[in-house]
Amino acid sequence: MLLSGIDLWLDLYKAGEKYYENEGNLRLSLTKCFRKIADHKGLNYEDIRVEKTIIGRTRVDFSFANEVSLEVKFEPDYPGMPLTRKPVTNVVLKAPDREVAKYAGLTDAETQMRLYEVELDFLKLMALKKKSVPYNYLLCLDEDGRLYRNLARSFKTSKVKHLSTPWKLIRRGIDNLEVYYFLWQA
């Protein structure tokens, strides 16, 4: 259901039928796609949870019957906004939750590091896999190309540094803009 829902959303995005300007709206539109797929397959969409707490105070964007988790990162293209103000790329740095750090296998020094939110998402999904959730995904959609260009060299911990992120190029339906995305599995 997860992969079918993401494929449906990407098809709508490429066709220009669904376009949203922030991550909250992206989660809402993905929820609609997941529910549509669940209805089509005769599954119970009540098992789809949004913003579910799983480890400590850490939440995931989506949880599917405690078997699958999905984190979503969306860097919209804000015309005229200075690059230093981009909301996802330049989000306030945070330290990882202690339980996430423990399950992700961070060193003491890495636990004290302040990381970008997208880096914390990688660690969170790796921790969920070790703790209890067998299938964990990160969907990253980047309309302005900034994450695509900077993500690989932004990683600070040895755990995250070695991850490969296979980006794909698609075109946004409303203006044929080049957009990068990846779907990564922990």
N, C-alpha and C. Protein backbone atom coordinates (compact mmCIF):
# COMPACT_ATOMS: atom_id res chain seq x y z
N MET A 1 0.82 -1.18 0.00
CA MET A 1 0.00 0.00 0.00
C MET A 1 0.88 1.26 0.00
N LEU A 2 1.95 1.26 0.79
CA LEU A 2 2.83 2.43 0.87
C LEU A 2 3.39 2.80 -0.49
N LEU A 3 4.01 1.85 -1.17
CA LEU A 3 4.64 2.15 -2.45
C LEU A 3 3.61 2.53 -3.50
N SER A 4 2.46 1.89 -3.50
CA SER A 4 1.39 2.24 -4.44
C SER A 4 0.89 3.66 -4.18
N GLY A 5 0.76 4.02 -2.90
CA GLY A 5 0.32 5.37 -2.54
C GLY A 5 1.32 6.43 -2.97
N ILE A 6 2.61 6.14 -2.78
CA ILE A 6 3.66 7.09 -3.20
C ILE A 6 3.66 7.22 -4.72
N ASP A 7 3.55 6.09 -5.42
CA ASP A 7 3.50 6.14 -6.89
C ASP A 7 2.30 6.95 -7.37
N LEU A 8 1.14 6.77 -6.74
CA LEU A 8 -0.05 7.53 -7.11
C LEU A 8 0.20 9.02 -6.89
N TRP A 9 0.78 9.37 -5.73
CA TRP A 9 1.06 10.79 -5.45
C TRP A 9 2.03 11.38 -6.47
N LEU A 10 3.11 10.64 -6.80
CA LEU A 10 4.08 11.14 -7.77
C LEU A 10 3.44 11.33 -9.14
N ASP A 11 2.55 10.40 -9.54
CA ASP A 11 1.87 10.54 -10.82
C ASP A 11 1.00 11.80 -10.83
N LEU A 12 0.29 12.05 -9.74
CA LEU A 12 -0.53 13.26 -9.65
C LEU A 12 0.34 14.51 -9.67
N TYR A 13 1.45 14.46 -8.96
CA TYR A 13 2.38 15.59 -8.91
C TYR A 13 2.94 15.89 -10.31
N LYS A 14 3.38 14.83 -11.01
CA LYS A 14 3.93 15.01 -12.35
C LYS A 14 2.87 15.50 -13.34
N ALA A 15 1.63 15.11 -13.12
CA ALA A 15 0.54 15.53 -14.01
C ALA A 15 0.08 16.96 -13.69
N GLY A 16 0.47 17.47 -12.53
CA GLY A 16 0.07 18.82 -12.16
C GLY A 16 -1.28 18.90 -11.48
N GLU A 17 -1.91 17.73 -11.22
CA GLU A 17 -3.22 17.74 -10.57
C GLU A 17 -3.13 18.10 -9.10
N LYS A 18 -2.07 17.67 -8.45
CA LYS A 18 -1.90 17.95 -7.02
C LYS A 18 -0.56 18.64 -6.82
N TYR A 19 -0.61 19.84 -6.33
CA TYR A 19 0.62 20.55 -6.03
C TYR A 19 0.43 21.26 -4.70
N TYR A 20 1.37 21.05 -3.78
CA TYR A 20 1.25 21.64 -2.46
C TYR A 20 2.52 22.40 -2.15
N GLU A 21 2.39 23.42 -1.31
CA GLU A 21 3.50 24.33 -1.08
C GLU A 21 4.26 24.11 0.22
N ASN A 22 3.86 23.14 1.03
CA ASN A 22 4.63 22.89 2.25
C ASN A 22 4.49 21.43 2.68
N GLU A 23 5.30 21.05 3.64
CA GLU A 23 5.36 19.65 4.05
C GLU A 23 4.06 19.17 4.68
N GLY A 24 3.38 20.01 5.43
CA GLY A 24 2.11 19.62 6.04
C GLY A 24 1.08 19.26 4.99
N ASN A 25 1.02 20.07 3.93
CA ASN A 25 0.09 19.77 2.84
C ASN A 25 0.52 18.52 2.08
N LEU A 26 1.83 18.29 1.97
CA LEU A 26 2.31 17.06 1.33
C LEU A 26 1.84 15.85 2.12
N ARG A 27 1.94 15.90 3.45
CA ARG A 27 1.46 14.78 4.28
C ARG A 27 -0.04 14.55 4.07
N LEU A 28 -0.80 15.63 4.01
CA LEU A 28 -2.23 15.50 3.81
C LEU A 28 -2.55 14.87 2.45
N SER A 29 -1.87 15.31 1.39
CA SER A 29 -2.14 14.75 0.07
C SER A 29 -1.68 13.30 -0.01
N LEU A 30 -0.58 12.94 0.64
CA LEU A 30 -0.16 11.54 0.68
C LEU A 30 -1.18 10.69 1.43
N THR A 31 -1.73 11.22 2.53
CA THR A 31 -2.75 10.49 3.28
C THR A 31 -3.93 10.16 2.39
N LYS A 32 -4.36 11.13 1.59
CA LYS A 32 -5.48 10.88 0.66
C LYS A 32 -5.12 9.78 -0.33
N CYS A 33 -3.90 9.79 -0.85
CA CYS A 33 -3.47 8.74 -1.78
C CYS A 33 -3.42 7.38 -1.10
N PHE A 34 -2.89 7.33 0.12
CA PHE A 34 -2.83 6.05 0.84
C PHE A 34 -4.23 5.51 1.10
N ARG A 35 -5.15 6.38 1.48
CA ARG A 35 -6.53 5.94 1.73
C ARG A 35 -7.20 5.47 0.46
N LYS A 36 -6.91 6.14 -0.65
CA LYS A 36 -7.49 5.72 -1.93
C LYS A 36 -6.99 4.32 -2.29
N ILE A 37 -5.71 4.07 -2.11
CA ILE A 37 -5.14 2.75 -2.41
C ILE A 37 -5.73 1.71 -1.45
N ALA A 38 -5.86 2.06 -0.17
CA ALA A 38 -6.43 1.13 0.81
C ALA A 38 -7.86 0.77 0.43
N ASP A 39 -8.66 1.77 0.06
CA ASP A 39 -10.04 1.50 -0.37
C ASP A 39 -10.06 0.59 -1.59
N HIS A 40 -9.19 0.89 -2.55
CA HIS A 40 -9.13 0.11 -3.79
C HIS A 40 -8.76 -1.35 -3.51
N LYS A 41 -7.87 -1.57 -2.54
CA LYS A 41 -7.42 -2.93 -2.22
C LYS A 41 -8.26 -3.59 -1.13
N GLY A 42 -9.27 -2.90 -0.63
CA GLY A 42 -10.13 -3.47 0.41
C GLY A 42 -9.46 -3.56 1.77
N LEU A 43 -8.48 -2.68 2.02
CA LEU A 43 -7.77 -2.68 3.29
C LEU A 43 -8.37 -1.64 4.23
N ASN A 44 -8.10 -1.78 5.50
CA ASN A 44 -8.61 -0.85 6.50
C ASN A 44 -7.66 0.35 6.60
N TYR A 45 -8.10 1.51 6.16
CA TYR A 45 -7.22 2.67 6.21
C TYR A 45 -7.15 3.28 7.61
N GLU A 46 -7.88 2.74 8.57
CA GLU A 46 -7.74 3.19 9.96
C GLU A 46 -6.36 2.83 10.52
N ASP A 47 -5.68 1.88 9.88
CA ASP A 47 -4.33 1.49 10.31
C ASP A 47 -3.28 2.51 9.92
N ILE A 48 -3.64 3.50 9.10
CA ILE A 48 -2.71 4.55 8.69
C ILE A 48 -2.74 5.65 9.75
N ARG A 49 -1.64 5.85 10.43
CA ARG A 49 -1.54 6.89 11.46
C ARG A 49 -0.60 7.98 10.99
N VAL A 50 -0.97 9.22 11.26
CA VAL A 50 -0.14 10.36 10.93
C VAL A 50 0.43 10.92 12.22
N GLU A 51 1.73 11.26 12.20
CA GLU A 51 2.42 11.81 13.38
C GLU A 51 2.30 10.87 14.58
N LYS A 52 2.73 9.63 14.41
CA LYS A 52 2.64 8.65 15.47
C LYS A 52 3.94 8.57 16.27
N THR A 53 3.83 8.61 17.60
CA THR A 53 5.00 8.46 18.47
C THR A 53 5.37 6.99 18.54
N ILE A 54 6.67 6.70 18.31
CA ILE A 54 7.12 5.31 18.33
C ILE A 54 8.25 5.08 19.32
N ILE A 55 9.26 5.97 19.31
CA ILE A 55 10.39 5.83 20.24
C ILE A 55 10.48 7.10 21.06
N GLY A 56 10.45 6.95 22.39
CA GLY A 56 10.60 8.12 23.26
C GLY A 56 9.62 9.21 22.88
N ARG A 57 10.14 10.40 22.64
CA ARG A 57 9.29 11.51 22.21
C ARG A 57 9.32 11.68 20.69
N THR A 58 9.92 10.73 20.00
CA THR A 58 10.11 10.81 18.56
C THR A 58 8.92 10.26 17.80
N ARG A 59 8.48 11.02 16.82
CA ARG A 59 7.34 10.62 15.99
C ARG A 59 7.79 10.36 14.56
N VAL A 60 6.96 9.58 13.86
CA VAL A 60 7.14 9.41 12.43
C VAL A 60 5.96 10.08 11.73
N ASP A 61 6.18 10.51 10.50
CA ASP A 61 5.11 11.17 9.75
C ASP A 61 3.94 10.22 9.50
N PHE A 62 4.25 8.97 9.13
CA PHE A 62 3.22 7.96 8.88
C PHE A 62 3.61 6.64 9.50
N SER A 63 2.62 5.93 10.01
CA SER A 63 2.80 4.57 10.49
C SER A 63 1.66 3.72 9.92
N PHE A 64 2.02 2.58 9.41
CA PHE A 64 1.04 1.67 8.84
C PHE A 64 1.01 0.39 9.67
N ALA A 65 0.02 0.30 10.55
CA ALA A 65 -0.20 -0.89 11.38
C ALA A 65 1.06 -1.31 12.13
N ASN A 66 1.88 -0.37 12.53
CA ASN A 66 3.13 -0.63 13.26
C ASN A 66 4.08 -1.57 12.54
N GLU A 67 3.89 -1.73 11.23
CA GLU A 67 4.77 -2.58 10.42
C GLU A 67 5.65 -1.76 9.49
N VAL A 68 5.16 -0.57 9.12
CA VAL A 68 5.85 0.29 8.16
C VAL A 68 5.81 1.71 8.69
N SER A 69 6.93 2.42 8.59
CA SER A 69 6.94 3.84 8.92
C SER A 69 7.48 4.62 7.72
N LEU A 70 7.02 5.86 7.61
CA LEU A 70 7.44 6.73 6.52
C LEU A 70 7.68 8.13 7.05
N GLU A 71 8.84 8.67 6.74
CA GLU A 71 9.16 10.07 6.99
C GLU A 71 9.14 10.79 5.66
N VAL A 72 8.69 12.04 5.66
CA VAL A 72 8.58 12.83 4.44
C VAL A 72 9.35 14.14 4.64
N LYS A 73 10.18 14.47 3.68
CA LYS A 73 10.86 15.77 3.66
C LYS A 73 10.56 16.42 2.33
N PHE A 74 10.18 17.68 2.38
CA PHE A 74 9.78 18.41 1.18
C PHE A 74 10.43 19.78 1.21
N GLU A 75 11.27 20.07 0.22
CA GLU A 75 11.87 21.39 0.08
C GLU A 75 11.20 22.06 -1.10
N PRO A 76 10.19 22.91 -0.83
CA PRO A 76 9.49 23.58 -1.93
C PRO A 76 10.37 24.61 -2.62
N ASP A 77 9.98 24.96 -3.81
CA ASP A 77 10.64 26.03 -4.53
C ASP A 77 9.92 27.32 -4.19
N TYR A 78 10.57 28.16 -3.40
CA TYR A 78 10.01 29.46 -3.05
C TYR A 78 10.71 30.51 -3.89
N PRO A 79 10.12 30.93 -5.01
CA PRO A 79 10.79 31.92 -5.86
C PRO A 79 11.11 33.20 -5.09
N GLY A 80 12.33 33.67 -5.24
CA GLY A 80 12.74 34.91 -4.62
C GLY A 80 13.19 34.79 -3.17
N MET A 81 13.05 33.61 -2.55
CA MET A 81 13.49 33.45 -1.16
C MET A 81 15.00 33.22 -1.14
N PRO A 82 15.73 33.92 -0.29
CA PRO A 82 17.18 33.68 -0.20
C PRO A 82 17.46 32.24 0.20
N LEU A 83 18.51 31.67 -0.38
CA LEU A 83 18.84 30.27 -0.12
C LEU A 83 19.07 29.99 1.36
N THR A 84 19.54 30.98 2.10
CA THR A 84 19.79 30.77 3.53
C THR A 84 18.50 30.69 4.34
N ARG A 85 17.38 30.98 3.74
CA ARG A 85 16.10 30.94 4.46
C ARG A 85 15.27 29.71 4.13
N LYS A 86 15.80 28.80 3.31
CA LYS A 86 15.04 27.62 2.93
C LYS A 86 14.64 26.84 4.17
N PRO A 87 13.37 26.49 4.31
CA PRO A 87 12.89 25.91 5.56
C PRO A 87 13.39 24.51 5.87
N VAL A 88 13.59 23.66 4.89
CA VAL A 88 14.03 22.30 5.17
C VAL A 88 15.55 22.22 5.23
N THR A 89 16.21 22.77 4.24
CA THR A 89 17.66 22.71 4.18
C THR A 89 18.31 23.40 5.38
N ASN A 90 17.71 24.49 5.84
CA ASN A 90 18.32 25.29 6.89
C ASN A 90 17.55 25.24 8.20
N VAL A 91 16.80 24.17 8.41
CA VAL A 91 16.00 24.07 9.63
C VAL A 91 16.91 24.12 10.85
N VAL A 92 16.38 24.59 11.94
CA VAL A 92 17.16 24.70 13.18
C VAL A 92 17.76 23.34 13.53
N LEU A 93 19.02 23.35 13.88
CA LEU A 93 19.69 22.10 14.25
C LEU A 93 19.15 21.57 15.57
N LYS A 94 19.05 20.24 15.67
CA LYS A 94 18.54 19.60 16.87
C LYS A 94 19.46 18.44 17.25
N ALA A 95 19.45 18.10 18.52
CA ALA A 95 20.18 16.92 18.99
C ALA A 95 19.23 15.73 18.92
N PRO A 96 19.76 14.53 18.62
CA PRO A 96 18.88 13.37 18.54
C PRO A 96 18.29 13.00 19.90
N ASP A 97 17.08 12.49 19.90
CA ASP A 97 16.44 11.93 21.09
C ASP A 97 17.35 10.84 21.64
N ARG A 98 17.48 10.73 22.96
CA ARG A 98 18.40 9.74 23.57
C ARG A 98 18.08 8.31 23.16
N GLU A 99 16.79 7.98 23.11
CA GLU A 99 16.43 6.61 22.73
C GLU A 99 16.76 6.35 21.27
N VAL A 100 16.51 7.33 20.41
CA VAL A 100 16.87 7.18 19.01
C VAL A 100 18.38 7.01 18.88
N ALA A 101 19.15 7.82 19.60
CA ALA A 101 20.61 7.72 19.56
C ALA A 101 21.07 6.33 19.99
N LYS A 102 20.44 5.80 21.04
CA LYS A 102 20.82 4.47 21.54
C LYS A 102 20.55 3.40 20.49
N TYR A 103 19.34 3.39 19.93
CA TYR A 103 19.00 2.37 18.94
C TYR A 103 19.73 2.56 17.62
N ALA A 104 20.07 3.80 17.27
CA ALA A 104 20.80 4.05 16.02
C ALA A 104 22.28 3.73 16.17
N GLY A 105 22.75 3.50 17.40
CA GLY A 105 24.14 3.14 17.63
C GLY A 105 25.10 4.30 17.55
N LEU A 106 24.67 5.49 17.97
CA LEU A 106 25.55 6.66 17.92
C LEU A 106 26.58 6.60 19.05
N THR A 107 27.74 7.16 18.78
CA THR A 107 28.75 7.28 19.83
C THR A 107 28.31 8.41 20.77
N ASP A 108 28.98 8.52 21.92
CA ASP A 108 28.65 9.60 22.87
C ASP A 108 28.84 10.97 22.22
N ALA A 109 29.91 11.12 21.45
CA ALA A 109 30.16 12.40 20.78
C ALA A 109 29.07 12.70 19.75
N GLU A 110 28.65 11.69 19.02
CA GLU A 110 27.60 11.89 18.01
C GLU A 110 26.26 12.23 18.65
N THR A 111 26.02 11.70 19.84
CA THR A 111 24.77 11.98 20.54
C THR A 111 24.68 13.45 20.92
N GLN A 112 25.82 14.10 21.13
CA GLN A 112 25.83 15.51 21.50
C GLN A 112 25.74 16.45 20.29
N MET A 113 25.93 15.90 19.09
CA MET A 113 25.91 16.74 17.89
C MET A 113 24.52 17.28 17.61
N ARG A 114 24.51 18.45 17.04
CA ARG A 114 23.25 19.01 16.58
C ARG A 114 23.19 18.80 15.07
N LEU A 115 22.10 18.15 14.64
CA LEU A 115 21.99 17.72 13.25
C LEU A 115 20.83 18.41 12.55
N TYR A 116 20.90 18.45 11.23
CA TYR A 116 19.75 18.93 10.47
C TYR A 116 18.61 17.92 10.58
N GLU A 117 17.41 18.41 10.42
CA GLU A 117 16.23 17.55 10.59
C GLU A 117 16.24 16.35 9.66
N VAL A 118 16.70 16.51 8.44
CA VAL A 118 16.71 15.39 7.51
C VAL A 118 17.71 14.33 7.97
N GLU A 119 18.81 14.75 8.59
CA GLU A 119 19.77 13.78 9.14
C GLU A 119 19.14 13.01 10.30
N LEU A 120 18.37 13.71 11.11
CA LEU A 120 17.68 13.04 12.22
C LEU A 120 16.67 12.02 11.70
N ASP A 121 16.06 12.30 10.55
CA ASP A 121 15.11 11.34 9.98
C ASP A 121 15.79 10.04 9.60
N PHE A 122 16.98 10.11 9.01
CA PHE A 122 17.72 8.89 8.70
C PHE A 122 17.98 8.10 9.98
N LEU A 123 18.48 8.78 11.02
CA LEU A 123 18.78 8.10 12.28
C LEU A 123 17.52 7.51 12.92
N LYS A 124 16.43 8.26 12.86
CA LYS A 124 15.17 7.80 13.43
C LYS A 124 14.72 6.50 12.76
N LEU A 125 14.81 6.44 11.45
CA LEU A 125 14.36 5.25 10.72
C LEU A 125 15.29 4.07 10.98
N MET A 126 16.59 4.33 11.09
CA MET A 126 17.52 3.25 11.42
C MET A 126 17.23 2.71 12.82
N ALA A 127 16.90 3.60 13.75
CA ALA A 127 16.57 3.19 15.12
C ALA A 127 15.27 2.39 15.15
N LEU A 128 14.27 2.83 14.39
CA LEU A 128 13.00 2.10 14.35
C LEU A 128 13.18 0.68 13.84
N LYS A 129 14.05 0.53 12.85
CA LYS A 129 14.31 -0.81 12.31
C LYS A 129 14.92 -1.71 13.39
N LYS A 130 15.86 -1.16 14.16
CA LYS A 130 16.49 -1.97 15.22
C LYS A 130 15.54 -2.24 16.38
N LYS A 131 14.62 -1.33 16.61
CA LYS A 131 13.73 -1.49 17.77
C LYS A 131 12.54 -2.39 17.48
N SER A 132 11.75 -2.05 16.46
CA SER A 132 10.51 -2.81 16.33
C SER A 132 9.82 -2.76 14.98
N VAL A 133 10.11 -1.77 14.16
CA VAL A 133 9.36 -1.59 12.92
C VAL A 133 10.18 -2.16 11.76
N PRO A 134 9.68 -3.20 11.08
CA PRO A 134 10.51 -3.87 10.07
C PRO A 134 10.78 -3.07 8.79
N TYR A 135 9.85 -2.20 8.38
CA TYR A 135 10.01 -1.49 7.10
C TYR A 135 9.91 0.01 7.36
N ASN A 136 10.98 0.73 7.01
CA ASN A 136 11.07 2.17 7.30
C ASN A 136 11.59 2.90 6.08
N TYR A 137 10.89 3.98 5.70
CA TYR A 137 11.21 4.70 4.48
C TYR A 137 11.31 6.20 4.72
N LEU A 138 12.14 6.85 3.90
CA LEU A 138 12.22 8.30 3.86
C LEU A 138 11.96 8.73 2.43
N LEU A 139 10.92 9.55 2.23
CA LEU A 139 10.63 10.13 0.93
C LEU A 139 11.07 11.59 0.98
N CYS A 140 11.97 11.96 0.10
CA CYS A 140 12.49 13.33 0.06
C CYS A 140 12.19 13.91 -1.32
N LEU A 141 11.46 15.01 -1.34
CA LEU A 141 11.12 15.69 -2.59
C LEU A 141 11.73 17.09 -2.55
N ASP A 142 12.53 17.42 -3.54
CA ASP A 142 13.29 18.67 -3.54
C ASP A 142 13.03 19.45 -4.82
N GLU A 143 12.24 20.50 -4.71
CA GLU A 143 11.86 21.27 -5.88
C GLU A 143 12.93 22.26 -6.33
N ASP A 144 13.75 22.73 -5.44
CA ASP A 144 14.72 23.75 -5.86
C ASP A 144 16.12 23.19 -6.06
N GLY A 145 16.34 21.90 -5.79
CA GLY A 145 17.63 21.25 -6.03
C GLY A 145 18.64 21.44 -4.93
N ARG A 146 18.32 22.21 -3.90
CA ARG A 146 19.28 22.50 -2.84
C ARG A 146 19.62 21.26 -2.01
N LEU A 147 18.62 20.51 -1.61
CA LEU A 147 18.90 19.27 -0.87
C LEU A 147 19.66 18.29 -1.75
N TYR A 148 19.27 18.20 -2.99
CA TYR A 148 19.94 17.31 -3.93
C TYR A 148 21.44 17.62 -3.99
N ARG A 149 21.78 18.89 -4.03
CA ARG A 149 23.19 19.28 -4.14
C ARG A 149 23.94 19.16 -2.82
N ASN A 150 23.27 19.40 -1.70
CA ASN A 150 23.98 19.53 -0.42
C ASN A 150 23.85 18.35 0.54
N LEU A 151 22.88 17.49 0.35
CA LEU A 151 22.61 16.46 1.34
C LEU A 151 23.79 15.51 1.57
N ALA A 152 24.42 15.07 0.49
CA ALA A 152 25.48 14.07 0.63
C ALA A 152 26.63 14.56 1.49
N ARG A 153 26.97 15.83 1.43
CA ARG A 153 28.10 16.31 2.23
C ARG A 153 27.67 16.92 3.57
N SER A 154 26.38 16.92 3.85
CA SER A 154 25.93 17.54 5.10
C SER A 154 25.97 16.58 6.29
N PHE A 155 26.08 15.29 6.05
CA PHE A 155 26.02 14.33 7.14
C PHE A 155 27.19 14.50 8.11
N LYS A 156 26.88 14.50 9.39
CA LYS A 156 27.91 14.70 10.41
C LYS A 156 28.29 13.42 11.15
N THR A 157 27.37 12.47 11.28
CA THR A 157 27.69 11.26 12.03
C THR A 157 28.19 10.17 11.09
N SER A 158 29.02 9.29 11.61
CA SER A 158 29.54 8.20 10.79
C SER A 158 28.41 7.27 10.35
N LYS A 159 27.35 7.17 11.15
CA LYS A 159 26.21 6.29 10.81
C LYS A 159 25.50 6.78 9.56
N VAL A 160 25.35 8.08 9.44
CA VAL A 160 24.60 8.65 8.33
C VAL A 160 25.49 8.93 7.13
N LYS A 161 26.77 9.19 7.37
CA LYS A 161 27.71 9.55 6.30
C LYS A 161 27.78 8.51 5.19
N HIS A 162 27.63 7.25 5.56
CA HIS A 162 27.82 6.17 4.60
C HIS A 162 26.57 5.82 3.82
N LEU A 163 25.48 6.52 4.05
CA LEU A 163 24.25 6.21 3.33
C LEU A 163 24.33 6.72 1.90
N SER A 164 23.82 5.94 1.00
CA SER A 164 23.72 6.43 -0.38
C SER A 164 22.28 6.87 -0.61
N THR A 165 22.12 7.95 -1.32
CA THR A 165 20.78 8.47 -1.60
C THR A 165 20.61 8.55 -3.11
N PRO A 166 19.99 7.54 -3.70
CA PRO A 166 19.82 7.52 -5.16
C PRO A 166 18.69 8.45 -5.61
N TRP A 167 19.05 9.65 -6.02
CA TRP A 167 18.06 10.64 -6.45
C TRP A 167 17.52 10.31 -7.83
N LYS A 168 16.26 10.67 -8.07
CA LYS A 168 15.65 10.54 -9.39
C LYS A 168 15.16 11.92 -9.81
N LEU A 169 15.11 12.15 -11.10
CA LEU A 169 14.65 13.42 -11.64
C LEU A 169 13.27 13.24 -12.24
N ILE A 170 12.34 14.10 -11.84
CA ILE A 170 11.01 14.13 -12.45
C ILE A 170 10.71 15.58 -12.83
N ARG A 171 9.59 15.81 -13.47
CA ARG A 171 9.18 17.16 -13.84
C ARG A 171 7.87 17.49 -13.15
N ARG A 172 7.82 18.65 -12.54
CA ARG A 172 6.59 19.11 -11.88
C ARG A 172 5.58 19.50 -12.96
N GLY A 173 4.38 18.99 -12.81
CA GLY A 173 3.38 19.14 -13.86
C GLY A 173 2.91 20.54 -14.15
N ILE A 174 2.95 21.43 -13.18
CA ILE A 174 2.36 22.74 -13.43
C ILE A 174 3.27 23.66 -14.25
N ASP A 175 4.58 23.42 -14.23
CA ASP A 175 5.47 24.31 -14.97
C ASP A 175 6.67 23.59 -15.59
N ASN A 176 6.65 22.26 -15.56
CA ASN A 176 7.72 21.44 -16.15
C ASN A 176 9.06 21.65 -15.46
N LEU A 177 9.04 22.15 -14.23
CA LEU A 177 10.26 22.37 -13.46
C LEU A 177 10.92 21.03 -13.10
N GLU A 178 12.26 20.98 -13.17
CA GLU A 178 12.99 19.77 -12.74
C GLU A 178 12.91 19.66 -11.23
N VAL A 179 12.53 18.47 -10.76
CA VAL A 179 12.39 18.20 -9.33
C VAL A 179 13.11 16.90 -9.02
N TYR A 180 13.82 16.87 -7.91
CA TYR A 180 14.54 15.67 -7.51
C TYR A 180 13.82 15.01 -6.34
N TYR A 181 13.87 13.68 -6.32
CA TYR A 181 13.32 12.97 -5.16
C TYR A 181 14.07 11.66 -4.97
N PHE A 182 13.97 11.12 -3.77
CA PHE A 182 14.42 9.75 -3.53
C PHE A 182 13.51 9.11 -2.51
N LEU A 183 13.47 7.80 -2.57
CA LEU A 183 12.79 6.99 -1.57
C LEU A 183 13.86 6.06 -1.02
N TRP A 184 14.19 6.24 0.26
CA TRP A 184 15.26 5.46 0.89
C TRP A 184 14.66 4.53 1.92
N GLN A 185 15.17 3.30 1.99
CA GLN A 185 14.69 2.34 2.98
C GLN A 185 15.78 2.02 3.99
N ALA A 186 15.41 2.10 5.28
CA ALA A 186 16.36 1.76 6.35
C ALA A 186 16.47 0.25 6.46
